[in-house]
Protein backbone atom coordinates (compact mmCIF):
# COMPACT_ATOMS: atom_id res chain seq x y z
CA MET A 1 13.13 -9.14 4.47
CA ARG A 2 11.05 -8.22 1.37
CA THR A 3 7.76 -7.93 2.78
CA LEU A 4 9.53 -5.75 5.48
CA LEU A 5 10.90 -3.16 2.99
CA ILE A 6 7.69 -3.45 1.04
CA PHE A 7 5.57 -2.56 4.27
CA ILE A 8 8.55 0.51 4.99
CA THR A 9 8.12 1.49 1.35
CA GLY A 10 3.97 1.44 1.96
CA PHE A 11 4.51 3.27 5.10
CA VAL A 12 6.75 6.11 3.77
CA LEU A 13 4.42 6.44 0.54
CA GLY A 14 1.23 6.73 3.20
CA LEU A 15 3.11 9.24 5.12
CA ILE A 16 3.90 11.09 1.70
CA LEU A 17 0.00 10.92 0.24
CA ALA A 18 -1.29 12.06 3.73
CA GLU A 19 0.60 14.85 3.76
CA LEU A 20 -0.02 15.90 0.23
CA ILE A 21 -4.02 15.33 1.23
CA ASN A 22 -3.57 17.54 4.18
CA ILE A 23 -2.01 20.35 2.00
CA PHE A 24 -4.95 20.33 -0.59
CA GLY A 25 -7.41 19.76 2.10
CA PHE A 26 -5.82 22.95 3.94
CA LEU A 27 -5.98 25.15 0.65
CA LEU A 28 -9.34 23.96 -0.37
CA TYR A 29 -11.05 24.16 2.76
CA ASP A 30 -9.01 26.12 5.38
CA GLN A 31 -8.64 22.96 7.62
CA THR A 32 -6.29 19.90 7.71
CA ILE A 33 -8.42 16.74 6.76
CA GLY A 34 -6.82 14.00 9.33
CA LEU A 35 -6.21 10.81 8.13
CA THR A 36 -5.15 8.75 10.97
CA PHE A 37 -3.65 5.46 10.35
CA PHE A 38 -2.98 5.99 6.80
CA PRO A 39 0.50 5.20 6.36
CA ILE A 40 0.14 2.39 9.01
CA LEU A 41 -2.80 1.21 6.13
CA MET A 42 -0.72 1.48 3.38
CA GLY A 43 2.30 -0.03 4.65
CA VAL A 44 0.11 -3.34 5.66
CA GLY A 45 -1.73 -3.34 2.48
CA LEU A 46 1.07 -3.37 0.16
CA ALA A 47 3.15 -6.07 1.97
CA CYS A 48 -0.37 -8.09 2.08
CA LEU A 49 -0.49 -7.21 -1.79
CA ASP A 50 2.83 -8.53 -2.08
CA LEU A 51 2.53 -11.94 -0.07
CA LEU A 52 -0.52 -12.21 -1.73
CA LEU A 53 0.86 -11.69 -5.45
CA ARG A 54 3.85 -14.07 -4.33
CA ARG A 55 1.71 -16.65 -3.27
CA LYS A 56 -0.73 -16.68 -6.14
CA SER A 57 2.79 -16.47 -8.51
CA LYS A 58 3.72 -20.04 -7.05
CA LEU A 59 0.74 -21.58 -7.88
CA PRO A 60 0.62 -24.22 -10.59
CA ASN A 61 -0.93 -23.16 -13.89
CA PHE A 62 -3.58 -25.85 -14.46
CA LYS A 63 -4.35 -24.24 -17.95
CA SER A 64 -0.94 -25.01 -19.81
CA SER A 65 -1.15 -28.62 -18.76
CA LEU A 66 -4.50 -28.91 -20.87
CA ARG A 67 -2.27 -29.07 -24.34
């Protein structure tokens, strides 16, 4: 469930960033800059990052057992 919420959050952030990039591209170059799959890639990227960070946090810390 957490991963799904992070995917949705990344998707919404991707939409906002893509629109901001389009607005600045239109103001600077008088044409829109197309970022076709940016929201989907942002959502998948954040969901994968969350899974990797949660997996890494569950691994044992071997440095603390050396004392």
